[in-house]
Amino acid sequence: MNYIKMDQGYNEAAAEKAQKAVKRLNVYKLAVEYLYHRDQYDSDEMNFARTTETAWPQLTVLQKDIVYMHVIQGFSFSGIADLEGISPQAVSQAFHRACKHFQTI
């Protein structure tokens, strides 16, 4: 019988492979959830989803972070400001600019 010798220490290639598998699983979960719910959208909701998907890459990294933290995670503008090291007013402005961008697409 062939046994794998485990006392050789950290296996970087195996760790990278495992990390890649975990990332793919997370992407798969999110994609399945999105597709499952998308099947239930009416035409207006589907158009809005497409608009959001089109506009998202045009946002700054900060705007994406703020939208995600506020809309998905439920953070207040003050909480986001503390995490980002900026003022609540700057967070509010960035959020509203992102929302305005979604409306212009």
PDB file of N, CA and C in Angstrom:
ATOM      1  N   MET A   1       0.830  -1.183   0.000  1.00  0.00           N
ATOM      2  CA  MET A   1       0.000   0.000   0.000  1.00  0.00           C
ATOM      3  C   MET A   1       0.878   1.251   0.000  1.00  0.00           C
ATOM      4  N   ASN A   2       0.484   2.255  -0.759  1.00  0.00           N
ATOM      5  CA  ASN A   2       1.221   3.516  -0.801  1.00  0.00           C
ATOM      6  C   ASN A   2       0.646   4.483   0.214  1.00  0.00           C
ATOM      7  N   TYR A   3       1.469   4.933   1.088  1.00  0.00           N
ATOM      8  CA  TYR A   3       1.053   5.904   2.089  1.00  0.00           C
ATOM      9  C   TYR A   3       1.704   7.252   1.792  1.00  0.00           C
ATOM     10  N   ILE A   4       0.945   8.313   2.007  1.00  0.00           N
ATOM     11  CA  ILE A   4       1.490   9.659   1.830  1.00  0.00           C
ATOM     12  C   ILE A   4       2.179  10.046   3.126  1.00  0.00           C
ATOM     13  N   LYS A   5       3.391  10.455   3.006  1.00  0.00           N
ATOM     14  CA  LYS A   5       4.154  10.860   4.183  1.00  0.00           C
ATOM     15  C   LYS A   5       3.711  12.255   4.603  1.00  0.00           C
ATOM     16  N   MET A   6       3.121  12.406   5.768  1.00  0.00           N
ATOM     17  CA  MET A   6       2.560  13.682   6.221  1.00  0.00           C
ATOM     18  C   MET A   6       3.537  14.493   7.078  1.00  0.00           C
ATOM     19  N   ASP A   7       4.654  13.928   7.430  1.00  0.00           N
ATOM     20  CA  ASP A   7       5.583  14.648   8.298  1.00  0.00           C
ATOM     21  C   ASP A   7       6.553  15.531   7.523  1.00  0.00           C
ATOM     22  N   GLN A   8       6.241  15.772   6.242  1.00  0.00           N
ATOM     23  CA  GLN A   8       7.130  16.581   5.419  1.00  0.00           C
ATOM     24  C   GLN A   8       6.873  18.071   5.578  1.00  0.00           C
ATOM     25  N   GLY A   9       5.854  18.459   6.325  1.00  0.00           N
ATOM     26  CA  GLY A   9       5.590  19.872   6.543  1.00  0.00           C
ATOM     27  C   GLY A   9       4.512  20.409   5.623  1.00  0.00           C
ATOM     28  N   TYR A  10       4.478  21.686   5.515  1.00  0.00           N
ATOM     29  CA  TYR A  10       3.467  22.414   4.755  1.00  0.00           C
ATOM     30  C   TYR A  10       3.606  22.140   3.265  1.00  0.00           C
ATOM     31  N   ASN A  11       2.513  21.807   2.614  1.00  0.00           N
ATOM     32  CA  ASN A  11       2.508  21.545   1.179  1.00  0.00           C
ATOM     33  C   ASN A  11       1.824  22.728   0.499  1.00  0.00           C
ATOM     34  N   GLU A  12       2.611  23.628  -0.041  1.00  0.00           N
ATOM     35  CA  GLU A  12       2.088  24.858  -0.628  1.00  0.00           C
ATOM     36  C   GLU A  12       1.177  24.597  -1.821  1.00  0.00           C
ATOM     37  N   ALA A  13       1.539  23.654  -2.659  1.00  0.00           N
ATOM     38  CA  ALA A  13       0.717  23.344  -3.835  1.00  0.00           C
ATOM     39  C   ALA A  13      -0.659  22.814  -3.415  1.00  0.00           C
ATOM     40  N   ALA A  14      -0.680  21.952  -2.427  1.00  0.00           N
ATOM     41  CA  ALA A  14      -1.958  21.403  -1.936  1.00  0.00           C
ATOM     42  C   ALA A  14      -2.791  22.501  -1.287  1.00  0.00           C
ATOM     43  N   ALA A  15      -2.144  23.403  -0.566  1.00  0.00           N
ATOM     44  CA  ALA A  15      -2.858  24.499   0.084  1.00  0.00           C
ATOM     45  C   ALA A  15      -3.463  25.435  -0.960  1.00  0.00           C
ATOM     46  N   GLU A  16      -2.724  25.725  -2.014  1.00  0.00           N
ATOM     47  CA  GLU A  16      -3.238  26.584  -3.084  1.00  0.00           C
ATOM     48  C   GLU A  16      -4.407  25.925  -3.798  1.00  0.00           C
ATOM     49  N   LYS A  17      -4.304  24.625  -4.024  1.00  0.00           N
ATOM     50  CA  LYS A  17      -5.378  23.879  -4.674  1.00  0.00           C
ATOM     51  C   LYS A  17      -6.646  23.891  -3.805  1.00  0.00           C
ATOM     52  N   ALA A  18      -6.465  23.715  -2.513  1.00  0.00           N
ATOM     53  CA  ALA A  18      -7.608  23.738  -1.589  1.00  0.00           C
ATOM     54  C   ALA A  18      -8.230  25.124  -1.536  1.00  0.00           C
ATOM     55  N   GLN A  19      -7.412  26.164  -1.523  1.00  0.00           N
ATOM     56  CA  GLN A  19      -7.912  27.537  -1.485  1.00  0.00           C
ATOM     57  C   GLN A  19      -8.703  27.842  -2.760  1.00  0.00           C
ATOM     58  N   LYS A  20      -8.205  27.389  -3.898  1.00  0.00           N
ATOM     59  CA  LYS A  20      -8.901  27.589  -5.168  1.00  0.00           C
ATOM     60  C   LYS A  20     -10.248  26.863  -5.163  1.00  0.00           C
ATOM     61  N   ALA A  21     -10.279  25.660  -4.611  1.00  0.00           N
ATOM     62  CA  ALA A  21     -11.524  24.886  -4.543  1.00  0.00           C
ATOM     63  C   ALA A  21     -12.552  25.587  -3.659  1.00  0.00           C
ATOM     64  N   VAL A  22     -12.119  26.152  -2.551  1.00  0.00           N
ATOM     65  CA  VAL A  22     -13.023  26.872  -1.650  1.00  0.00           C
ATOM     66  C   VAL A  22     -13.572  28.118  -2.339  1.00  0.00           C
ATOM     67  N   LYS A  23     -12.714  28.843  -3.037  1.00  0.00           N
ATOM     68  CA  LYS A  23     -13.165  30.038  -3.759  1.00  0.00           C
ATOM     69  C   LYS A  23     -14.181  29.679  -4.829  1.00  0.00           C
ATOM     70  N   ARG A  24     -13.916  28.612  -5.565  1.00  0.00           N
ATOM     71  CA  ARG A  24     -14.860  28.174  -6.598  1.00  0.00           C
ATOM     72  C   ARG A  24     -16.191  27.761  -5.987  1.00  0.00           C
ATOM     73  N   LEU A  25     -16.152  27.084  -4.861  1.00  0.00           N
ATOM     74  CA  LEU A  25     -17.388  26.682  -4.187  1.00  0.00           C
ATOM     75  C   LEU A  25     -18.194  27.908  -3.779  1.00  0.00           C
ATOM     76  N   ASN A  26     -17.523  28.922  -3.261  1.00  0.00           N
ATOM     77  CA  ASN A  26     -18.217  30.153  -2.874  1.00  0.00           C
ATOM     78  C   ASN A  26     -18.839  30.844  -4.080  1.00  0.00           C
ATOM     79  N   VAL A  27     -18.109  30.899  -5.191  1.00  0.00           N
ATOM     80  CA  VAL A  27     -18.649  31.489  -6.419  1.00  0.00           C
ATOM     81  C   VAL A  27     -19.850  30.679  -6.894  1.00  0.00           C
ATOM     82  N   TYR A  28     -19.727  29.379  -6.843  1.00  0.00           N
ATOM     83  CA  TYR A  28     -20.816  28.499  -7.269  1.00  0.00           C
ATOM     84  C   TYR A  28     -22.074  28.756  -6.441  1.00  0.00           C
ATOM     85  N   LYS A  29     -21.901  28.859  -5.128  1.00  0.00           N
ATOM     86  CA  LYS A  29     -23.049  29.117  -4.245  1.00  0.00           C
ATOM     87  C   LYS A  29     -23.747  30.426  -4.619  1.00  0.00           C
ATOM     88  N   LEU A  30     -22.959  31.473  -4.803  1.00  0.00           N
ATOM     89  CA  LEU A  30     -23.532  32.776  -5.139  1.00  0.00           C
ATOM     90  C   LEU A  30     -24.209  32.749  -6.504  1.00  0.00           C
ATOM     91  N   ALA A  31     -23.583  32.089  -7.466  1.00  0.00           N
ATOM     92  CA  ALA A  31     -24.156  32.020  -8.811  1.00  0.00           C
ATOM     93  C   ALA A  31     -25.473  31.246  -8.803  1.00  0.00           C
ATOM     94  N   VAL A  32     -25.516  30.141  -8.099  1.00  0.00           N
ATOM     95  CA  VAL A  32     -26.746  29.347  -8.026  1.00  0.00           C
ATOM     96  C   VAL A  32     -27.850  30.149  -7.343  1.00  0.00           C
ATOM     97  N   GLU A  33     -27.510  30.833  -6.262  1.00  0.00           N
ATOM     98  CA  GLU A  33     -28.521  31.642  -5.576  1.00  0.00           C
ATOM     99  C   GLU A  33     -29.063  32.730  -6.500  1.00  0.00           C
ATOM    100  N   TYR A  34     -28.168  33.421  -7.202  1.00  0.00           N
ATOM    101  CA  TYR A  34     -28.585  34.465  -8.138  1.00  0.00           C
ATOM    102  C   TYR A  34     -29.475  33.884  -9.230  1.00  0.00           C
ATOM    103  N   LEU A  35     -29.046  32.793  -9.839  1.00  0.00           N
ATOM    104  CA  LEU A  35     -29.812  32.202 -10.937  1.00  0.00           C
ATOM    105  C   LEU A  35     -31.163  31.675 -10.466  1.00  0.00           C
ATOM    106  N   TYR A  36     -31.195  31.113  -9.269  1.00  0.00           N
ATOM    107  CA  TYR A  36     -32.452  30.602  -8.717  1.00  0.00           C
ATOM    108  C   TYR A  36     -33.465  31.731  -8.572  1.00  0.00           C
ATOM    109  N   HIS A  37     -33.036  32.838  -8.003  1.00  0.00           N
ATOM    110  CA  HIS A  37     -33.938  33.967  -7.803  1.00  0.00           C
ATOM    111  C   HIS A  37     -34.250  34.687  -9.114  1.00  0.00           C
ATOM    112  N   ARG A  38     -33.283  34.735 -10.002  1.00  0.00           N
ATOM    113  CA  ARG A  38     -33.483  35.403 -11.291  1.00  0.00           C
ATOM    114  C   ARG A  38     -34.621  34.758 -12.077  1.00  0.00           C
ATOM    115  N   ASP A  39     -34.743  33.455 -11.952  1.00  0.00           N
ATOM    116  CA  ASP A  39     -35.822  32.750 -12.655  1.00  0.00           C
ATOM    117  C   ASP A  39     -37.206  33.230 -12.221  1.00  0.00           C
ATOM    118  N   GLN A  40     -37.281  33.877 -11.076  1.00  0.00           N
ATOM    119  CA  GLN A  40     -38.563  34.335 -10.539  1.00  0.00           C
ATOM    120  C   GLN A  40     -38.814  35.821 -10.812  1.00  0.00           C
ATOM    121  N   TYR A  41     -37.863  36.507 -11.443  1.00  0.00           N
ATOM    122  CA  TYR A  41     -38.018  37.938 -11.726  1.00  0.00           C
ATOM    123  C   TYR A  41     -39.045  38.160 -12.828  1.00  0.00           C
ATOM    124  N   ASP A  42     -39.805  39.261 -12.689  1.00  0.00           N
ATOM    125  CA  ASP A  42     -40.637  39.676 -13.816  1.00  0.00           C
ATOM    126  C   ASP A  42     -39.757  40.502 -14.749  1.00  0.00           C
ATOM    127  N   SER A  43     -40.293  40.973 -15.867  1.00  0.00           N
ATOM    128  CA  SER A  43     -39.460  41.651 -16.867  1.00  0.00           C
ATOM    129  C   SER A  43     -38.851  42.943 -16.331  1.00  0.00           C
ATOM    130  N   ASP A  44     -39.586  43.687 -15.512  1.00  0.00           N
ATOM    131  CA  ASP A  44     -39.040  44.927 -14.951  1.00  0.00           C
ATOM    132  C   ASP A  44     -37.875  44.617 -14.012  1.00  0.00           C
ATOM    133  N   GLU A  45     -38.035  43.613 -13.173  1.00  0.00           N
ATOM    134  CA  GLU A  45     -36.966  43.230 -12.250  1.00  0.00           C
ATOM    135  C   GLU A  45     -35.740  42.718 -13.018  1.00  0.00           C
ATOM    136  N   MET A  46     -35.986  41.977 -14.086  1.00  0.00           N
ATOM    137  CA  MET A  46     -34.877  41.461 -14.892  1.00  0.00           C
ATOM    138  C   MET A  46     -34.127  42.599 -15.570  1.00  0.00           C
ATOM    139  N   ASN A  47     -34.847  43.592 -16.077  1.00  0.00           N
ATOM    140  CA  ASN A  47     -34.198  44.761 -16.674  1.00  0.00           C
ATOM    141  C   ASN A  47     -33.362  45.513 -15.646  1.00  0.00           C
ATOM    142  N   PHE A  48     -33.907  45.646 -14.434  1.00  0.00           N
ATOM    143  CA  PHE A  48     -33.161  46.337 -13.383  1.00  0.00           C
ATOM    144  C   PHE A  48     -31.909  45.546 -13.004  1.00  0.00           C
ATOM    145  N   ALA A  49     -32.017  44.229 -12.946  1.00  0.00           N
ATOM    146  CA  ALA A  49     -30.852  43.394 -12.637  1.00  0.00           C
ATOM    147  C   ALA A  49     -29.769  43.560 -13.706  1.00  0.00           C
ATOM    148  N   ARG A  50     -30.175  43.585 -14.957  1.00  0.00           N
ATOM    149  CA  ARG A  50     -29.211  43.778 -16.052  1.00  0.00           C
ATOM    150  C   ARG A  50     -28.560  45.156 -15.971  1.00  0.00           C
ATOM    151  N   THR A  51     -29.373  46.168 -15.664  1.00  0.00           N
ATOM    152  CA  THR A  51     -28.844  47.531 -15.519  1.00  0.00           C
ATOM    153  C   THR A  51     -27.812  47.584 -14.403  1.00  0.00           C
ATOM    154  N   THR A  52     -28.126  46.956 -13.288  1.00  0.00           N
ATOM    155  CA  THR A  52     -27.206  46.923 -12.147  1.00  0.00           C
ATOM    156  C   THR A  52     -25.909  46.219 -12.536  1.00  0.00           C
ATOM    157  N   GLU A  53     -26.039  45.113 -13.238  1.00  0.00           N
ATOM    158  CA  GLU A  53     -24.856  44.364 -13.664  1.00  0.00           C
ATOM    159  C   GLU A  53     -24.003  45.168 -14.643  1.00  0.00           C
ATOM    160  N   THR A  54     -24.642  45.939 -15.500  1.00  0.00           N
ATOM    161  CA  THR A  54     -23.918  46.784 -16.468  1.00  0.00           C
ATOM    162  C   THR A  54     -23.224  47.948 -15.774  1.00  0.00           C
ATOM    163  N   ALA A  55     -23.888  48.540 -14.809  1.00  0.00           N
ATOM    164  CA  ALA A  55     -23.357  49.730 -14.145  1.00  0.00           C
ATOM    165  C   ALA A  55     -22.278  49.404 -13.107  1.00  0.00           C
ATOM    166  N   TRP A  56     -22.345  48.221 -12.509  1.00  0.00           N
ATOM    167  CA  TRP A  56     -21.448  47.869 -11.404  1.00  0.00           C
ATOM    168  C   TRP A  56     -19.959  48.064 -11.729  1.00  0.00           C
ATOM    169  N   PRO A  57     -19.470  47.589 -12.867  1.00  0.00           N
ATOM    170  CA  PRO A  57     -18.028  47.749 -13.142  1.00  0.00           C
ATOM    171  C   PRO A  57     -17.582  49.210 -13.280  1.00  0.00           C
ATOM    172  N   GLN A  58     -18.510  50.107 -13.523  1.00  0.00           N
ATOM    173  CA  GLN A  58     -18.179  51.518 -13.707  1.00  0.00           C
ATOM    174  C   GLN A  58     -18.058  52.267 -12.382  1.00  0.00           C
ATOM    175  N   LEU A  59     -18.450  51.638 -11.281  1.00  0.00           N
ATOM    176  CA  LEU A  59     -18.320  52.268  -9.969  1.00  0.00           C
ATOM    177  C   LEU A  59     -16.881  52.180  -9.495  1.00  0.00           C
ATOM    178  N   THR A  60     -16.504  53.103  -8.623  1.00  0.00           N
ATOM    179  CA  THR A  60     -15.177  53.026  -8.004  1.00  0.00           C
ATOM    180  C   THR A  60     -15.186  51.893  -6.983  1.00  0.00           C
ATOM    181  N   VAL A  61     -14.009  51.475  -6.578  1.00  0.00           N
ATOM    182  CA  VAL A  61     -13.901  50.431  -5.550  1.00  0.00           C
ATOM    183  C   VAL A  61     -14.584  50.903  -4.264  1.00  0.00           C
ATOM    184  N   LEU A  62     -14.380  52.156  -3.898  1.00  0.00           N
ATOM    185  CA  LEU A  62     -15.008  52.698  -2.692  1.00  0.00           C
ATOM    186  C   LEU A  62     -16.531  52.659  -2.805  1.00  0.00           C
ATOM    187  N   GLN A  63     -17.063  53.068  -3.959  1.00  0.00           N
ATOM    188  CA  GLN A  63     -18.519  53.036  -4.140  1.00  0.00           C
ATOM    189  C   GLN A  63     -19.047  51.605  -4.028  1.00  0.00           C
ATOM    190  N   LYS A  64     -18.353  50.657  -4.635  1.00  0.00           N
ATOM    191  CA  LYS A  64     -18.774  49.248  -4.541  1.00  0.00           C
ATOM    192  C   LYS A  64     -18.777  48.781  -3.087  1.00  0.00           C
ATOM    193  N   ASP A  65     -17.702  49.118  -2.361  1.00  0.00           N
ATOM    194  CA  ASP A  65     -17.617  48.727  -0.951  1.00  0.00           C
ATOM    195  C   ASP A  65     -18.767  49.333  -0.150  1.00  0.00           C
ATOM    196  N   ILE A  66     -19.040  50.604  -0.376  1.00  0.00           N
ATOM    197  CA  ILE A  66     -20.095  51.296   0.363  1.00  0.00           C
ATOM    198  C   ILE A  66     -21.462  50.712   0.029  1.00  0.00           C
ATOM    199  N   VAL A  67     -21.751  50.504  -1.242  1.00  0.00           N
ATOM    200  CA  VAL A  67     -23.043  49.916  -1.638  1.00  0.00           C
ATOM    201  C   VAL A  67     -23.196  48.537  -1.006  1.00  0.00           C
ATOM    202  N   TYR A  68     -22.155  47.720  -1.083  1.00  0.00           N
ATOM    203  CA  TYR A  68     -22.213  46.370  -0.520  1.00  0.00           C
ATOM    204  C   TYR A  68     -22.438  46.410   0.991  1.00  0.00           C
ATOM    205  N   MET A  69     -21.623  47.209   1.671  1.00  0.00           N
ATOM    206  CA  MET A  69     -21.736  47.257   3.135  1.00  0.00           C
ATOM    207  C   MET A  69     -23.079  47.815   3.588  1.00  0.00           C
ATOM    208  N   HIS A  70     -23.604  48.812   2.869  1.00  0.00           N
ATOM    209  CA  HIS A  70     -24.870  49.434   3.281  1.00  0.00           C
ATOM    210  C   HIS A  70     -26.075  48.574   2.888  1.00  0.00           C
ATOM    211  N   VAL A  71     -26.131  48.157   1.632  1.00  0.00           N
ATOM    212  CA  VAL A  71     -27.311  47.449   1.133  1.00  0.00           C
ATOM    213  C   VAL A  71     -27.332  45.986   1.573  1.00  0.00           C
ATOM    214  N   ILE A  72     -26.221  45.296   1.463  1.00  0.00           N
ATOM    215  CA  ILE A  72     -26.183  43.857   1.745  1.00  0.00           C
ATOM    216  C   ILE A  72     -25.918  43.569   3.219  1.00  0.00           C
ATOM    217  N   GLN A  73     -24.941  44.256   3.796  1.00  0.00           N
ATOM    218  CA  GLN A  73     -24.566  43.959   5.172  1.00  0.00           C
ATOM    219  C   GLN A  73     -25.300  44.811   6.206  1.00  0.00           C
ATOM    220  N   GLY A  74     -25.981  45.861   5.767  1.00  0.00           N
ATOM    221  CA  GLY A  74     -26.789  46.670   6.672  1.00  0.00           C
ATOM    222  C   GLY A  74     -26.042  47.684   7.511  1.00  0.00           C
ATOM    223  N   PHE A  75     -24.819  48.003   7.135  1.00  0.00           N
ATOM    224  CA  PHE A  75     -24.058  49.000   7.883  1.00  0.00           C
ATOM    225  C   PHE A  75     -24.663  50.390   7.687  1.00  0.00           C
ATOM    226  N   SER A  76     -24.591  51.203   8.728  1.00  0.00           N
ATOM    227  CA  SER A  76     -24.976  52.610   8.614  1.00  0.00           C
ATOM    228  C   SER A  76     -23.835  53.369   7.939  1.00  0.00           C
ATOM    229  N   PHE A  77     -24.126  54.574   7.469  1.00  0.00           N
ATOM    230  CA  PHE A  77     -23.068  55.383   6.874  1.00  0.00           C
ATOM    231  C   PHE A  77     -21.980  55.692   7.904  1.00  0.00           C
ATOM    232  N   SER A  78     -22.374  55.892   9.149  1.00  0.00           N
ATOM    233  CA  SER A  78     -21.386  56.150  10.213  1.00  0.00           C
ATOM    234  C   SER A  78     -20.484  54.942  10.431  1.00  0.00           C
ATOM    235  N   GLY A  79     -21.086  53.765  10.425  1.00  0.00           N
ATOM    236  CA  GLY A  79     -20.300  52.541  10.594  1.00  0.00           C
ATOM    237  C   GLY A  79     -19.321  52.328   9.447  1.00  0.00           C
ATOM    238  N   ILE A  80     -19.788  52.576   8.231  1.00  0.00           N
ATOM    239  CA  ILE A  80     -18.911  52.450   7.067  1.00  0.00           C
ATOM    240  C   ILE A  80     -17.797  53.485   7.144  1.00  0.00           C
ATOM    241  N   ALA A  81     -18.141  54.692   7.563  1.00  0.00           N
ATOM    242  CA  ALA A  81     -17.138  55.759   7.687  1.00  0.00           C
ATOM    243  C   ALA A  81     -16.030  55.343   8.650  1.00  0.00           C
ATOM    244  N   ASP A  82     -16.410  54.740   9.765  1.00  0.00           N
ATOM    245  CA  ASP A  82     -15.404  54.278  10.732  1.00  0.00           C
ATOM    246  C   ASP A  82     -14.486  53.228  10.107  1.00  0.00           C
ATOM    247  N   LEU A  83     -15.075  52.293   9.365  1.00  0.00           N
ATOM    248  CA  LEU A  83     -14.280  51.227   8.746  1.00  0.00           C
ATOM    249  C   LEU A  83     -13.372  51.741   7.630  1.00  0.00           C
ATOM    250  N   GLU A  84     -13.862  52.701   6.872  1.00  0.00           N
ATOM    251  CA  GLU A  84     -13.114  53.227   5.724  1.00  0.00           C
ATOM    252  C   GLU A  84     -12.189  54.387   6.083  1.00  0.00           C
ATOM    253  N   GLY A  85     -12.376  54.950   7.280  1.00  0.00           N
ATOM    254  CA  GLY A  85     -11.525  56.068   7.705  1.00  0.00           C
ATOM    255  C   GLY A  85     -11.857  57.374   7.007  1.00  0.00           C
ATOM    256  N   ILE A  86     -13.145  57.543   6.655  1.00  0.00           N
ATOM    257  CA  ILE A  86     -13.608  58.779   6.017  1.00  0.00           C
ATOM    258  C   ILE A  86     -14.827  59.279   6.770  1.00  0.00           C
ATOM    259  N   SER A  87     -15.320  60.452   6.417  1.00  0.00           N
ATOM    260  CA  SER A  87     -16.462  61.028   7.121  1.00  0.00           C
ATOM    261  C   SER A  87     -17.769  60.371   6.669  1.00  0.00           C
ATOM    262  N   PRO A  88     -18.785  60.379   7.542  1.00  0.00           N
ATOM    263  CA  PRO A  88     -20.092  59.873   7.142  1.00  0.00           C
ATOM    264  C   PRO A  88     -20.665  60.623   5.936  1.00  0.00           C
ATOM    265  N   GLN A  89     -20.355  61.906   5.830  1.00  0.00           N
ATOM    266  CA  GLN A  89     -20.821  62.696   4.690  1.00  0.00           C
ATOM    267  C   GLN A  89     -20.199  62.192   3.385  1.00  0.00           C
ATOM    268  N   ALA A  90     -18.919  61.834   3.428  1.00  0.00           N
ATOM    269  CA  ALA A  90     -18.249  61.303   2.240  1.00  0.00           C
ATOM    270  C   ALA A  90     -18.853  59.954   1.845  1.00  0.00           C
ATOM    271  N   VAL A  91     -19.200  59.137   2.834  1.00  0.00           N
ATOM    272  CA  VAL A  91     -19.846  57.857   2.559  1.00  0.00           C
ATOM    273  C   VAL A  91     -21.201  58.095   1.910  1.00  0.00           C
ATOM    274  N   SER A  92     -21.981  59.003   2.483  1.00  0.00           N
ATOM    275  CA  SER A  92     -23.300  59.325   1.953  1.00  0.00           C
ATOM    276  C   SER A  92     -23.206  59.831   0.513  1.00  0.00           C
ATOM    277  N   GLN A  93     -22.258  60.706   0.262  1.00  0.00           N
ATOM    278  CA  GLN A  93     -22.087  61.245  -1.091  1.00  0.00           C
ATOM    279  C   GLN A  93     -21.713  60.148  -2.079  1.00  0.00           C
ATOM    280  N   ALA A  94     -20.793  59.274  -1.690  1.00  0.00           N
ATOM    281  CA  ALA A  94     -20.375  58.191  -2.580  1.00  0.00           C
ATOM    282  C   ALA A  94     -21.536  57.239  -2.854  1.00  0.00           C
ATOM    283  N   PHE A  95     -22.326  56.953  -1.827  1.00  0.00           N
ATOM    284  CA  PHE A  95     -23.486  56.074  -1.997  1.00  0.00           C
ATOM    285  C   PHE A  95     -24.501  56.701  -2.949  1.00  0.00           C
ATOM    286  N   HIS A  96     -24.791  57.957  -2.756  1.00  0.00           N
ATOM    287  CA  HIS A  96     -25.783  58.620  -3.598  1.00  0.00           C
ATOM    288  C   HIS A  96     -25.287  58.792  -5.040  1.00  0.00           C
ATOM    289  N   ARG A  97     -23.994  58.998  -5.213  1.00  0.00           N
ATOM    290  CA  ARG A  97     -23.438  59.047  -6.575  1.00  0.00           C
ATOM    291  C   ARG A  97     -23.579  57.683  -7.255  1.00  0.00           C
ATOM    292  N   ALA A  98     -23.347  56.614  -6.504  1.00  0.00           N
ATOM    293  CA  ALA A  98     -23.499  55.267  -7.063  1.00  0.00           C
ATOM    294  C   ALA A  98     -24.956  55.018  -7.446  1.00  0.00           C
ATOM    295  N   CYS A  99     -25.878  55.408  -6.576  1.00  0.00           N
ATOM    296  CA  CYS A  99     -27.307  55.225  -6.874  1.00  0.00           C
ATOM    297  C   CYS A  99     -27.710  56.039  -8.098  1.00  0.00           C
ATOM    298  N   LYS A 100     -27.198  57.259  -8.184  1.00  0.00           N
ATOM    299  CA  LYS A 100     -27.498  58.103  -9.338  1.00  0.00           C
ATOM    300  C   LYS A 100     -26.962  57.468 -10.617  1.00  0.00           C
ATOM    301  N   HIS A 101     -25.795  56.868 -10.513  1.00  0.00           N
ATOM    302  CA  HIS A 101     -25.207  56.203 -11.671  1.00  0.00           C
ATOM    303  C   HIS A 101     -26.115  55.068 -12.158  1.00  0.00           C
ATOM    304  N   PHE A 102     -26.667  54.299 -11.222  1.00  0.00           N
ATOM    305  CA  PHE A 102     -27.574  53.210 -11.595  1.00  0.00           C
ATOM    306  C   PHE A 102     -28.821  53.751 -12.304  1.00  0.00           C
ATOM    307  N   GLN A 103     -29.248  54.935 -11.930  1.00  0.00           N
ATOM    308  CA  GLN A 103     -30.441  55.515 -12.526  1.00  0.00           C
ATOM    309  C   GLN A 103     -30.195  56.053 -13.929  1.00  0.00           C
ATOM    310  N   THR A 104     -28.933  56.386 -14.242  1.00  0.00           N
ATOM    311  CA  THR A 104     -28.647  56.985 -15.548  1.00  0.00           C
ATOM    312  C   THR A 104     -28.353  55.950 -16.624  1.00  0.00           C
ATOM    313  N   ILE A 105     -28.201  54.716 -16.258  1.00  0.00           N
ATOM    314  CA  ILE A 105     -27.895  53.648 -17.234  1.00  0.00           C
ATOM    315  C   ILE A 105     -29.194  53.205 -17.902  1.00  0.00           C
TER     316      ILE A 105
END
